[in-house]
Amino acid sequence: MLEWSQQEIESALKNDFSGFIYLYTPMCGTCQMAGKMLTVVNELLPESAIRKANLNYMPTLAEKWNVESVPCLLIVHNGEITEKIYAFHSVPYLLEKMSAV
């Protein structure tokens, strides 16, 4: 997964990015587990555009997007956030959700 800065995210959204943005914080244990799950999903769905961003460096975006907690997976279509996933459950669950997009 490619790490994005706030500027890269904002630019991608302006340019109609479609894919997934994984929001995390480094000290969050659940985020570490979710990151490992997304790494597996990324291997199984190499065509999916999964990016990640450390929410500690972009509190204004967290507020703008009403991010309630981390980990959070944003599903983005044509630059618009269409869904937020907070409960990652399992790799098969994520595969199902992400394959449907």
N, C-alpha and C. Protein backbone atom coordinates (compact mmCIF):
# COMPACT_ATOMS: atom_id res chain seq x y z
N MET A 1 0.84 -1.18 0.00
CA MET A 1 0.00 0.00 0.00
C MET A 1 0.88 1.24 0.00
N LEU A 2 0.52 2.15 -0.82
CA LEU A 2 1.26 3.39 -0.94
C LEU A 2 0.77 4.38 0.12
N GLU A 3 1.70 4.99 0.84
CA GLU A 3 1.38 6.00 1.86
C GLU A 3 1.15 7.35 1.17
N TRP A 4 0.06 8.00 1.50
CA TRP A 4 -0.26 9.30 0.93
C TRP A 4 -0.22 10.39 1.99
N SER A 5 0.18 11.58 1.56
CA SER A 5 0.11 12.77 2.41
C SER A 5 -1.27 13.42 2.20
N GLN A 6 -1.57 14.41 3.01
CA GLN A 6 -2.84 15.12 2.87
C GLN A 6 -2.93 15.78 1.49
N GLN A 7 -1.83 16.35 1.02
CA GLN A 7 -1.84 17.01 -0.28
C GLN A 7 -2.10 16.00 -1.41
N GLU A 8 -1.51 14.82 -1.30
CA GLU A 8 -1.72 13.79 -2.32
C GLU A 8 -3.17 13.32 -2.34
N ILE A 9 -3.76 13.18 -1.16
CA ILE A 9 -5.16 12.77 -1.08
C ILE A 9 -6.05 13.83 -1.70
N GLU A 10 -5.85 15.07 -1.31
CA GLU A 10 -6.69 16.15 -1.83
C GLU A 10 -6.57 16.27 -3.34
N SER A 11 -5.36 16.14 -3.85
CA SER A 11 -5.14 16.19 -5.30
C SER A 11 -5.84 15.03 -6.01
N ALA A 12 -5.71 13.83 -5.46
CA ALA A 12 -6.33 12.65 -6.07
C ALA A 12 -7.85 12.78 -6.10
N LEU A 13 -8.43 13.27 -5.01
CA LEU A 13 -9.88 13.43 -4.96
C LEU A 13 -10.36 14.47 -5.97
N LYS A 14 -9.58 15.53 -6.15
CA LYS A 14 -9.93 16.54 -7.16
C LYS A 14 -9.86 15.96 -8.57
N ASN A 15 -9.00 14.96 -8.75
CA ASN A 15 -8.83 14.32 -10.06
C ASN A 15 -9.64 13.03 -10.19
N ASP A 16 -10.74 12.94 -9.42
CA ASP A 16 -11.69 11.83 -9.54
C ASP A 16 -11.10 10.46 -9.23
N PHE A 17 -10.26 10.37 -8.21
CA PHE A 17 -9.70 9.10 -7.77
C PHE A 17 -10.82 8.13 -7.41
N SER A 18 -10.66 6.89 -7.80
CA SER A 18 -11.54 5.80 -7.37
C SER A 18 -10.67 4.71 -6.76
N GLY A 19 -11.03 4.27 -5.58
CA GLY A 19 -10.25 3.24 -4.90
C GLY A 19 -10.53 3.28 -3.41
N PHE A 20 -9.50 2.99 -2.63
CA PHE A 20 -9.65 2.85 -1.19
C PHE A 20 -8.56 3.64 -0.47
N ILE A 21 -8.95 4.32 0.60
CA ILE A 21 -7.98 5.02 1.44
C ILE A 21 -8.13 4.48 2.85
N TYR A 22 -7.06 3.87 3.32
CA TYR A 22 -7.03 3.27 4.66
C TYR A 22 -6.46 4.30 5.63
N LEU A 23 -7.27 4.71 6.59
CA LEU A 23 -6.85 5.69 7.59
C LEU A 23 -6.48 4.97 8.88
N TYR A 24 -5.33 5.31 9.43
CA TYR A 24 -4.82 4.63 10.61
C TYR A 24 -4.01 5.59 11.46
N THR A 25 -3.66 5.13 12.66
CA THR A 25 -2.65 5.80 13.48
C THR A 25 -1.65 4.73 13.91
N PRO A 26 -0.37 5.07 13.98
CA PRO A 26 0.66 4.07 14.24
C PRO A 26 0.57 3.37 15.60
N MET A 27 0.03 4.03 16.61
CA MET A 27 -0.02 3.44 17.95
C MET A 27 -1.27 2.60 18.18
N CYS A 28 -2.12 2.50 17.20
CA CYS A 28 -3.39 1.76 17.32
C CYS A 28 -3.16 0.29 16.98
N GLY A 29 -3.35 -0.59 17.97
CA GLY A 29 -3.15 -2.02 17.75
C GLY A 29 -4.13 -2.60 16.75
N THR A 30 -5.39 -2.15 16.80
CA THR A 30 -6.39 -2.62 15.84
C THR A 30 -6.01 -2.19 14.43
N CYS A 31 -5.43 -1.01 14.31
CA CYS A 31 -4.99 -0.52 12.99
C CYS A 31 -3.89 -1.41 12.43
N GLN A 32 -3.00 -1.87 13.29
CA GLN A 32 -1.92 -2.75 12.82
C GLN A 32 -2.49 -4.05 12.27
N MET A 33 -3.49 -4.60 12.95
CA MET A 33 -4.14 -5.83 12.47
C MET A 33 -4.88 -5.56 11.16
N ALA A 34 -5.60 -4.45 11.09
CA ALA A 34 -6.33 -4.10 9.88
C ALA A 34 -5.36 -3.89 8.71
N GLY A 35 -4.22 -3.28 8.98
CA GLY A 35 -3.21 -3.08 7.94
C GLY A 35 -2.71 -4.39 7.37
N LYS A 36 -2.50 -5.37 8.25
CA LYS A 36 -2.06 -6.69 7.78
C LYS A 36 -3.13 -7.34 6.92
N MET A 37 -4.39 -7.19 7.33
CA MET A 37 -5.49 -7.75 6.54
C MET A 37 -5.55 -7.10 5.16
N LEU A 38 -5.38 -5.79 5.12
CA LEU A 38 -5.43 -5.08 3.83
C LEU A 38 -4.23 -5.44 2.95
N THR A 39 -3.10 -5.75 3.55
CA THR A 39 -1.94 -6.20 2.78
C THR A 39 -2.27 -7.50 2.06
N VAL A 40 -2.96 -8.40 2.75
CA VAL A 40 -3.38 -9.67 2.13
C VAL A 40 -4.38 -9.39 1.01
N VAL A 41 -5.35 -8.52 1.28
CA VAL A 41 -6.35 -8.17 0.26
C VAL A 41 -5.66 -7.55 -0.95
N ASN A 42 -4.69 -6.70 -0.71
CA ASN A 42 -3.95 -6.06 -1.81
C ASN A 42 -3.24 -7.08 -2.68
N GLU A 43 -2.73 -8.15 -2.07
CA GLU A 43 -2.09 -9.22 -2.84
C GLU A 43 -3.11 -10.00 -3.66
N LEU A 44 -4.30 -10.18 -3.10
CA LEU A 44 -5.34 -10.95 -3.78
C LEU A 44 -6.09 -10.12 -4.83
N LEU A 45 -6.12 -8.82 -4.64
CA LEU A 45 -6.76 -7.90 -5.59
C LEU A 45 -5.76 -6.84 -6.03
N PRO A 46 -4.73 -7.23 -6.78
CA PRO A 46 -3.68 -6.27 -7.12
C PRO A 46 -4.16 -5.09 -7.96
N GLU A 47 -5.30 -5.24 -8.62
CA GLU A 47 -5.82 -4.14 -9.44
C GLU A 47 -6.51 -3.06 -8.61
N SER A 48 -6.80 -3.38 -7.34
CA SER A 48 -7.47 -2.40 -6.49
C SER A 48 -6.47 -1.33 -6.05
N ALA A 49 -6.93 -0.10 -6.05
CA ALA A 49 -6.08 1.02 -5.64
C ALA A 49 -6.27 1.25 -4.15
N ILE A 50 -5.38 0.66 -3.33
CA ILE A 50 -5.45 0.85 -1.88
C ILE A 50 -4.31 1.78 -1.47
N ARG A 51 -4.67 2.90 -0.86
CA ARG A 51 -3.69 3.84 -0.34
C ARG A 51 -3.88 3.92 1.18
N LYS A 52 -2.87 4.38 1.88
CA LYS A 52 -3.01 4.54 3.33
C LYS A 52 -2.54 5.91 3.74
N ALA A 53 -3.07 6.37 4.88
CA ALA A 53 -2.72 7.70 5.38
C ALA A 53 -2.76 7.70 6.90
N ASN A 54 -1.73 8.27 7.49
CA ASN A 54 -1.63 8.41 8.94
C ASN A 54 -2.49 9.59 9.36
N LEU A 55 -3.58 9.30 10.05
CA LEU A 55 -4.54 10.33 10.41
C LEU A 55 -3.98 11.35 11.40
N ASN A 56 -2.91 11.00 12.11
CA ASN A 56 -2.28 11.96 13.02
C ASN A 56 -1.79 13.20 12.28
N TYR A 57 -1.45 13.07 11.01
CA TYR A 57 -0.91 14.18 10.23
C TYR A 57 -1.97 14.95 9.46
N MET A 58 -3.23 14.54 9.58
CA MET A 58 -4.28 15.22 8.82
C MET A 58 -5.59 15.33 9.59
N PRO A 59 -5.55 15.97 10.75
CA PRO A 59 -6.77 16.09 11.56
C PRO A 59 -7.87 16.89 10.87
N THR A 60 -7.52 17.81 10.00
CA THR A 60 -8.56 18.59 9.31
C THR A 60 -9.38 17.70 8.38
N LEU A 61 -8.72 16.73 7.73
CA LEU A 61 -9.46 15.81 6.87
C LEU A 61 -10.34 14.88 7.71
N ALA A 62 -9.84 14.45 8.85
CA ALA A 62 -10.64 13.59 9.73
C ALA A 62 -11.92 14.30 10.14
N GLU A 63 -11.80 15.57 10.45
CA GLU A 63 -12.97 16.35 10.84
C GLU A 63 -13.89 16.59 9.64
N LYS A 64 -13.31 16.95 8.52
CA LYS A 64 -14.09 17.21 7.30
C LYS A 64 -14.89 15.98 6.88
N TRP A 65 -14.29 14.81 6.98
CA TRP A 65 -14.94 13.57 6.55
C TRP A 65 -15.72 12.90 7.67
N ASN A 66 -15.76 13.50 8.85
CA ASN A 66 -16.46 12.92 10.01
C ASN A 66 -15.98 11.51 10.32
N VAL A 67 -14.67 11.32 10.34
CA VAL A 67 -14.10 10.02 10.68
C VAL A 67 -14.29 9.82 12.18
N GLU A 68 -15.01 8.75 12.53
CA GLU A 68 -15.38 8.52 13.92
C GLU A 68 -14.30 7.80 14.71
N SER A 69 -13.53 6.93 14.04
CA SER A 69 -12.47 6.19 14.73
C SER A 69 -11.53 5.58 13.69
N VAL A 70 -10.44 5.06 14.18
CA VAL A 70 -9.52 4.31 13.33
C VAL A 70 -9.45 2.89 13.85
N PRO A 71 -9.21 1.94 13.00
CA PRO A 71 -8.98 2.06 11.57
C PRO A 71 -10.27 2.40 10.82
N CYS A 72 -10.10 3.04 9.67
CA CYS A 72 -11.22 3.40 8.82
C CYS A 72 -10.80 3.20 7.37
N LEU A 73 -11.62 2.51 6.62
CA LEU A 73 -11.37 2.32 5.19
C LEU A 73 -12.40 3.13 4.43
N LEU A 74 -11.92 4.11 3.67
CA LEU A 74 -12.80 4.93 2.85
C LEU A 74 -12.92 4.30 1.48
N ILE A 75 -14.14 4.13 1.02
CA ILE A 75 -14.37 3.67 -0.35
C ILE A 75 -14.69 4.93 -1.15
N VAL A 76 -13.89 5.17 -2.17
CA VAL A 76 -13.98 6.41 -2.94
C VAL A 76 -14.31 6.08 -4.40
N HIS A 77 -15.29 6.79 -4.93
CA HIS A 77 -15.66 6.62 -6.34
C HIS A 77 -15.72 7.99 -6.99
N ASN A 78 -14.92 8.18 -8.02
CA ASN A 78 -14.85 9.45 -8.75
C ASN A 78 -14.65 10.65 -7.81
N GLY A 79 -13.75 10.48 -6.85
CA GLY A 79 -13.41 11.58 -5.95
C GLY A 79 -14.37 11.80 -4.80
N GLU A 80 -15.40 10.99 -4.69
CA GLU A 80 -16.39 11.12 -3.62
C GLU A 80 -16.33 9.92 -2.69
N ILE A 81 -16.35 10.16 -1.40
CA ILE A 81 -16.39 9.07 -0.42
C ILE A 81 -17.80 8.50 -0.41
N THR A 82 -17.91 7.22 -0.76
CA THR A 82 -19.23 6.59 -0.84
C THR A 82 -19.53 5.71 0.37
N GLU A 83 -18.49 5.28 1.08
CA GLU A 83 -18.71 4.42 2.25
C GLU A 83 -17.50 4.48 3.16
N LYS A 84 -17.75 4.28 4.46
CA LYS A 84 -16.68 4.18 5.45
C LYS A 84 -16.85 2.85 6.17
N ILE A 85 -15.77 2.09 6.26
CA ILE A 85 -15.79 0.82 6.97
C ILE A 85 -14.92 0.97 8.21
N TYR A 86 -15.50 0.70 9.38
CA TYR A 86 -14.76 0.77 10.63
C TYR A 86 -14.47 -0.62 11.19
N ALA A 87 -15.36 -1.57 10.93
CA ALA A 87 -15.19 -2.94 11.43
C ALA A 87 -14.65 -3.80 10.29
N PHE A 88 -13.43 -4.25 10.41
CA PHE A 88 -12.76 -4.97 9.32
C PHE A 88 -13.07 -6.47 9.32
N HIS A 89 -13.60 -7.00 10.38
CA HIS A 89 -14.04 -8.39 10.54
C HIS A 89 -13.00 -9.43 10.13
N SER A 90 -12.78 -9.60 8.81
CA SER A 90 -11.90 -10.67 8.32
C SER A 90 -11.45 -10.34 6.90
N VAL A 91 -10.45 -11.07 6.42
CA VAL A 91 -10.00 -10.90 5.03
C VAL A 91 -11.12 -11.24 4.06
N PRO A 92 -11.86 -12.36 4.22
CA PRO A 92 -12.96 -12.64 3.28
C PRO A 92 -14.02 -11.53 3.26
N TYR A 93 -14.31 -10.96 4.42
CA TYR A 93 -15.27 -9.85 4.49
C TYR A 93 -14.77 -8.66 3.66
N LEU A 94 -13.50 -8.30 3.84
CA LEU A 94 -12.93 -7.18 3.09
C LEU A 94 -12.88 -7.48 1.59
N LEU A 95 -12.53 -8.71 1.24
CA LEU A 95 -12.51 -9.09 -0.17
C LEU A 95 -13.89 -8.92 -0.80
N GLU A 96 -14.91 -9.33 -0.07
CA GLU A 96 -16.27 -9.21 -0.59
C GLU A 96 -16.66 -7.74 -0.77
N LYS A 97 -16.40 -6.92 0.24
CA LYS A 97 -16.74 -5.49 0.18
C LYS A 97 -15.96 -4.78 -0.93
N MET A 98 -14.67 -5.10 -1.05
CA MET A 98 -13.82 -4.38 -1.99
C MET A 98 -13.97 -4.90 -3.42
N SER A 99 -14.34 -6.14 -3.59
CA SER A 99 -14.56 -6.69 -4.93
C SER A 99 -15.83 -6.13 -5.54
N ALA A 100 -16.78 -5.75 -4.70
CA ALA A 100 -18.07 -5.26 -5.18
C ALA A 100 -17.98 -3.84 -5.72
N VAL A 101 -16.87 -3.18 -5.47
CA VAL A 101 -16.73 -1.78 -5.88
C VAL A 101 -16.19 -1.69 -7.29
